[in-house]
Amino acid sequence: MIKQPPEADVNSKHWDHKFVPALRFRWLTPFYDKVVALTSQEDLFKDLLLKQANLSDGYTVLDVGCGSGTFVIRIAGHNSNLEIHALDADNDILEVAQSKSYDKGAEIHFKQGYSAELPYPDDYFDRVFCSLMFHHLDFDDKMKTLEEIYRVLKPGGEFHFADWGKPQTPLRRASFFLVRLFDGMENTRDCLTDRIPNKMSHLGFTVSETARVAALLGDIFLLKVQKPVIGRTSVVN
């Protein structure tokens, strides 16, 4: 049995945020896993992301925007002595994730909820992950999500982040335009700059880029982001 955390003291009883479903259109949801595997070098970047987290027995772990559950199930397979939670706003994709985790026998607590209002208490998680989700959010919700991840991480805890970044070649810049068309030109604008890592630093995180993966539709950047052990140095403006 998975130990459940106490309810967070946040106003999450009702949320009515807009979000971009997997592959933007709900009728494409059944094809999500195949498309991601084909276009993102999924095994490579997710193996790198998992390795850099250095998970230890007893850790509490959260996957924000877990999608179809591919990565969080990989976490469960890597170490069975973790308390694992996964959250997504899209109930359709959560049903896919829950079915896959059941088939794999993975012990994961799935919850429907929004990243800008995480339904978990302060200082609860040792590790938080987010992969290929951030570019679905508008800028305000990106900032609220960073604030929430900061809040739920334990002092000294780590946020492991992977998303599309600034393409490094003309060919991948051209192919990334397809991602922007699908997931929104405004939402993906921040992928072309250092704006998000800079905001992480302003919030008080220590930010390190750990890898870049050249994928079919662009470049995926991996970050290791650590909450300070004591106090917050600054805030997001």
Protein backbone atom coordinates (compact mmCIF):
# COMPACT_ATOMS: atom_id res chain seq x y z
CA MET A 1 0.00 0.00 0.00
CA ILE A 2 1.17 3.52 -0.77
CA LYS A 3 1.21 5.94 2.11
CA GLN A 4 -0.90 8.94 1.22
CA PRO A 5 0.34 12.43 2.07
CA PRO A 6 -1.89 14.75 4.09
CA GLU A 7 -4.00 17.12 2.06
CA ALA A 8 -2.21 20.33 1.21
CA ASP A 9 -3.44 23.55 2.70
CA VAL A 10 -4.12 25.17 -0.67
CA ASN A 11 -7.27 26.21 -2.47
CA SER A 12 -7.40 23.26 -4.84
CA LYS A 13 -10.97 22.10 -4.24
CA HIS A 14 -11.98 23.59 -7.56
CA TRP A 15 -9.81 24.53 -10.52
CA ASP A 16 -10.87 25.64 -13.95
CA HIS A 17 -7.64 26.17 -15.86
CA LYS A 18 -7.20 25.71 -19.58
CA PHE A 19 -4.58 23.21 -20.67
CA VAL A 20 -3.35 21.66 -23.89
CA PRO A 21 -4.19 17.93 -24.01
CA ALA A 22 -1.63 15.36 -25.15
CA LEU A 23 -0.91 16.08 -28.85
CA ARG A 24 -3.30 19.06 -28.52
CA PHE A 25 -6.39 17.21 -29.84
CA ARG A 26 -8.17 14.56 -27.76
CA TRP A 27 -8.72 12.30 -30.77
CA LEU A 28 -4.92 11.99 -31.02
CA THR A 29 -4.49 10.85 -27.40
CA PRO A 30 -4.35 7.11 -28.32
CA PHE A 31 -1.34 7.86 -30.56
CA TYR A 32 0.58 9.85 -27.93
CA ASP A 33 3.09 7.18 -26.87
CA LYS A 34 4.07 6.28 -30.42
CA VAL A 35 4.47 9.90 -31.48
CA VAL A 36 6.64 10.79 -28.46
CA ALA A 37 8.82 7.71 -28.94
CA LEU A 38 9.30 8.55 -32.62
CA THR A 39 10.02 12.27 -32.30
CA SER A 40 11.88 12.82 -29.02
CA GLN A 41 14.54 10.11 -28.50
CA GLU A 42 12.38 9.21 -25.51
CA ASP A 43 14.42 6.34 -24.11
CA LEU A 44 17.63 8.34 -24.21
CA PHE A 45 16.45 11.54 -22.56
CA LYS A 46 14.30 9.78 -19.95
CA ASP A 47 17.17 7.46 -18.99
CA LEU A 48 19.39 10.51 -18.56
CA LEU A 49 16.75 12.32 -16.52
CA LEU A 50 16.24 9.33 -14.23
CA LYS A 51 19.98 8.74 -13.79
CA GLN A 52 20.71 12.34 -12.79
CA ALA A 53 18.07 12.19 -10.02
CA ASN A 54 20.10 9.63 -8.05
CA LEU A 55 17.03 8.14 -6.35
CA SER A 56 17.47 6.45 -2.96
CA ASP A 57 15.25 4.08 -0.99
CA GLY A 58 12.45 5.81 0.86
CA TYR A 59 12.36 8.93 -1.29
CA THR A 60 9.04 10.64 -1.99
CA VAL A 61 8.74 11.35 -5.72
CA LEU A 62 6.30 13.36 -7.84
CA ASP A 63 5.93 13.40 -11.64
CA VAL A 64 4.13 16.61 -12.65
CA GLY A 65 2.25 16.35 -15.93
CA CYS A 66 2.76 12.59 -16.04
CA GLY A 67 0.87 12.14 -19.30
CA SER A 68 0.45 8.49 -20.26
CA GLY A 69 2.67 7.40 -17.37
CA THR A 70 5.64 6.16 -19.41
CA PHE A 71 8.24 7.97 -17.31
CA VAL A 72 6.69 7.49 -13.87
CA ILE A 73 6.34 3.75 -14.57
CA ARG A 74 10.04 3.76 -15.49
CA ILE A 75 10.75 5.36 -12.11
CA ALA A 76 8.80 2.62 -10.35
CA GLY A 77 10.70 -0.05 -12.26
CA HIS A 78 14.02 1.55 -11.33
CA ASN A 79 13.39 1.44 -7.57
CA SER A 80 10.46 -0.26 -5.85
CA ASN A 81 11.25 1.35 -2.47
CA LEU A 82 9.89 4.78 -3.34
CA GLU A 83 6.66 6.58 -2.56
CA ILE A 84 5.60 7.66 -6.05
CA HIS A 85 2.92 10.17 -7.01
CA ALA A 86 1.88 11.36 -10.46
CA LEU A 87 -0.37 14.23 -11.46
CA ASP A 88 -1.97 15.36 -14.70
CA ALA A 89 -4.83 17.71 -15.58
CA ASP A 90 -6.13 15.51 -18.40
CA ASN A 91 -8.35 12.72 -17.12
CA ASP A 92 -8.26 10.88 -20.48
CA ILE A 93 -4.49 10.51 -20.46
CA LEU A 94 -4.55 9.64 -16.74
CA GLU A 95 -6.79 6.68 -17.50
CA VAL A 96 -4.18 5.48 -19.99
CA ALA A 97 -1.43 5.92 -17.37
CA GLN A 98 -3.36 4.06 -14.69
CA SER A 99 -4.09 1.15 -17.04
CA LYS A 100 -0.42 0.89 -18.04
CA SER A 101 0.77 1.01 -14.42
CA TYR A 102 -1.71 -1.69 -13.44
CA ASP A 103 -0.43 -3.92 -16.24
CA LYS A 104 3.15 -3.38 -15.02
CA GLY A 105 2.26 -3.91 -11.36
CA ALA A 106 3.68 -0.48 -10.51
CA GLU A 107 2.65 1.13 -7.21
CA ILE A 108 1.87 4.72 -8.19
CA HIS A 109 -0.68 7.11 -6.75
CA PHE A 110 -2.24 9.01 -9.66
CA LYS A 111 -4.20 12.20 -9.11
CA GLN A 112 -6.02 14.55 -11.45
CA GLY A 113 -4.98 18.11 -10.75
CA TYR A 114 -3.28 21.18 -12.09
CA SER A 115 0.43 21.96 -11.84
CA ALA A 116 -0.22 25.57 -10.79
CA GLU A 117 -2.15 24.32 -7.72
CA LEU A 118 -0.39 21.15 -6.59
CA PRO A 119 -2.59 19.23 -4.12
CA TYR A 120 0.32 18.28 -1.84
CA PRO A 121 1.70 19.75 1.38
CA ASP A 122 4.77 21.94 1.81
CA ASP A 123 8.23 20.36 1.92
CA TYR A 124 6.96 16.86 1.09
CA PHE A 125 8.93 15.54 -1.90
CA ASP A 126 12.59 14.59 -2.24
CA ARG A 127 12.39 14.67 -6.03
CA VAL A 128 10.01 16.27 -8.53
CA PHE A 129 10.11 15.48 -12.25
CA CYS A 130 8.60 17.23 -15.24
CA SER A 131 9.21 16.02 -18.79
CA LEU A 132 7.82 17.52 -22.00
CA MET A 133 4.99 19.26 -20.14
CA PHE A 134 6.16 22.80 -19.43
CA HIS A 135 5.82 23.98 -23.02
CA HIS A 136 2.06 23.26 -22.82
CA LEU A 137 1.58 26.04 -20.22
CA ASP A 138 1.20 29.76 -20.73
CA PHE A 139 3.81 31.94 -19.05
CA ASP A 140 1.75 32.80 -15.95
CA ASP A 141 1.05 29.14 -15.27
CA LYS A 142 4.70 28.28 -15.84
CA MET A 143 5.59 30.71 -13.05
CA LYS A 144 2.86 29.44 -10.72
CA THR A 145 4.01 25.88 -11.38
CA LEU A 146 7.59 26.76 -10.47
CA GLU A 147 6.36 28.37 -7.25
CA GLU A 148 4.35 25.26 -6.44
CA ILE A 149 7.24 22.90 -7.15
CA TYR A 150 9.44 25.03 -4.90
CA ARG A 151 6.78 24.81 -2.18
CA VAL A 152 6.31 21.02 -2.24
CA LEU A 153 10.01 20.16 -2.44
CA LYS A 154 11.86 19.47 0.78
CA PRO A 155 14.78 21.81 1.54
CA GLY A 156 17.66 20.42 -0.46
CA GLY A 157 15.24 18.52 -2.72
CA GLU A 158 15.67 18.43 -6.48
CA PHE A 159 13.50 19.22 -9.49
CA HIS A 160 14.52 17.32 -12.64
CA PHE A 161 13.28 19.00 -15.79
CA ALA A 162 13.25 18.06 -19.48
CA ASP A 163 11.62 20.03 -22.27
CA TRP A 164 12.15 21.46 -25.71
CA GLY A 165 14.87 24.10 -25.82
CA LYS A 166 16.48 26.38 -28.38
CA PRO A 167 17.33 24.22 -31.43
CA GLN A 168 21.05 24.09 -32.19
CA THR A 169 20.89 23.59 -35.98
CA PRO A 170 18.86 25.16 -38.80
CA LEU A 171 17.24 21.77 -39.59
CA ARG A 172 16.03 21.25 -36.01
CA ARG A 173 14.87 24.89 -35.84
CA ALA A 174 12.71 24.16 -38.88
CA SER A 175 11.35 20.90 -37.46
CA PHE A 176 10.61 22.50 -34.09
CA PHE A 177 8.16 24.77 -35.91
CA LEU A 178 5.86 21.72 -36.09
CA VAL A 179 5.90 21.46 -32.28
CA ARG A 180 5.04 25.14 -32.06
CA LEU A 181 2.13 24.76 -34.47
CA PHE A 182 0.72 21.82 -32.51
CA ASP A 183 1.27 23.06 -28.95
CA GLY A 184 0.83 26.81 -29.44
CA MET A 185 3.16 29.51 -30.70
CA GLU A 186 2.87 31.60 -27.53
CA ASN A 187 3.25 28.69 -25.08
CA THR A 188 6.39 27.45 -26.84
CA ARG A 189 8.02 30.87 -27.24
CA ASP A 190 9.91 30.45 -23.95
CA CYS A 191 11.57 27.30 -25.32
CA LEU A 192 13.61 29.53 -27.63
CA THR A 193 15.15 31.55 -24.78
CA ASP A 194 16.72 31.12 -21.33
CA ARG A 195 13.69 32.72 -19.69
CA ILE A 196 12.56 29.64 -17.71
CA PRO A 197 15.98 28.69 -16.28
CA ASN A 198 16.52 32.34 -15.37
CA LYS A 199 13.17 32.47 -13.54
CA MET A 200 14.09 29.28 -11.70
CA SER A 201 17.26 30.99 -10.48
CA HIS A 202 15.36 34.13 -9.46
CA LEU A 203 13.01 31.99 -7.42
CA GLY A 204 15.94 30.67 -5.40
CA PHE A 205 16.74 27.39 -7.13
CA THR A 206 20.26 26.40 -8.14
CA VAL A 207 20.04 25.49 -11.81
CA SER A 208 22.41 23.32 -13.86
CA GLU A 209 22.00 22.21 -17.45
CA THR A 210 22.96 18.53 -17.54
CA ALA A 211 22.35 17.41 -21.13
CA ARG A 212 20.99 18.23 -24.56
CA VAL A 213 19.40 15.57 -26.73
CA ALA A 214 19.03 16.08 -30.48
CA ALA A 215 15.58 14.80 -31.43
CA LEU A 216 13.59 14.58 -34.64
CA LEU A 217 11.54 17.71 -33.86
CA GLY A 218 14.16 19.80 -32.07
CA ASP A 219 16.47 19.76 -29.05
CA ILE A 220 15.49 18.57 -25.58
CA PHE A 221 17.26 20.24 -22.66
CA LEU A 222 17.68 18.59 -19.27
CA LEU A 223 18.07 20.60 -16.08
CA LYS A 224 18.92 19.69 -12.49
CA VAL A 225 17.25 22.25 -10.24
CA GLN A 226 17.85 22.22 -6.48
CA LYS A 227 15.94 23.95 -3.71
CA PRO A 228 18.25 25.52 -1.12
CA VAL A 229 18.54 23.86 2.25
CA ILE A 230 17.82 27.10 4.09
CA GLY A 231 15.60 29.97 2.97
CA ARG A 232 14.69 31.54 -0.33
CA THR A 233 17.08 34.04 -1.80
CA SER A 234 14.68 35.91 -4.05
CA VAL A 235 11.28 35.72 -5.72
CA VAL A 236 9.94 35.58 -9.24
CA ASN A 237 8.85 38.97 -10.55
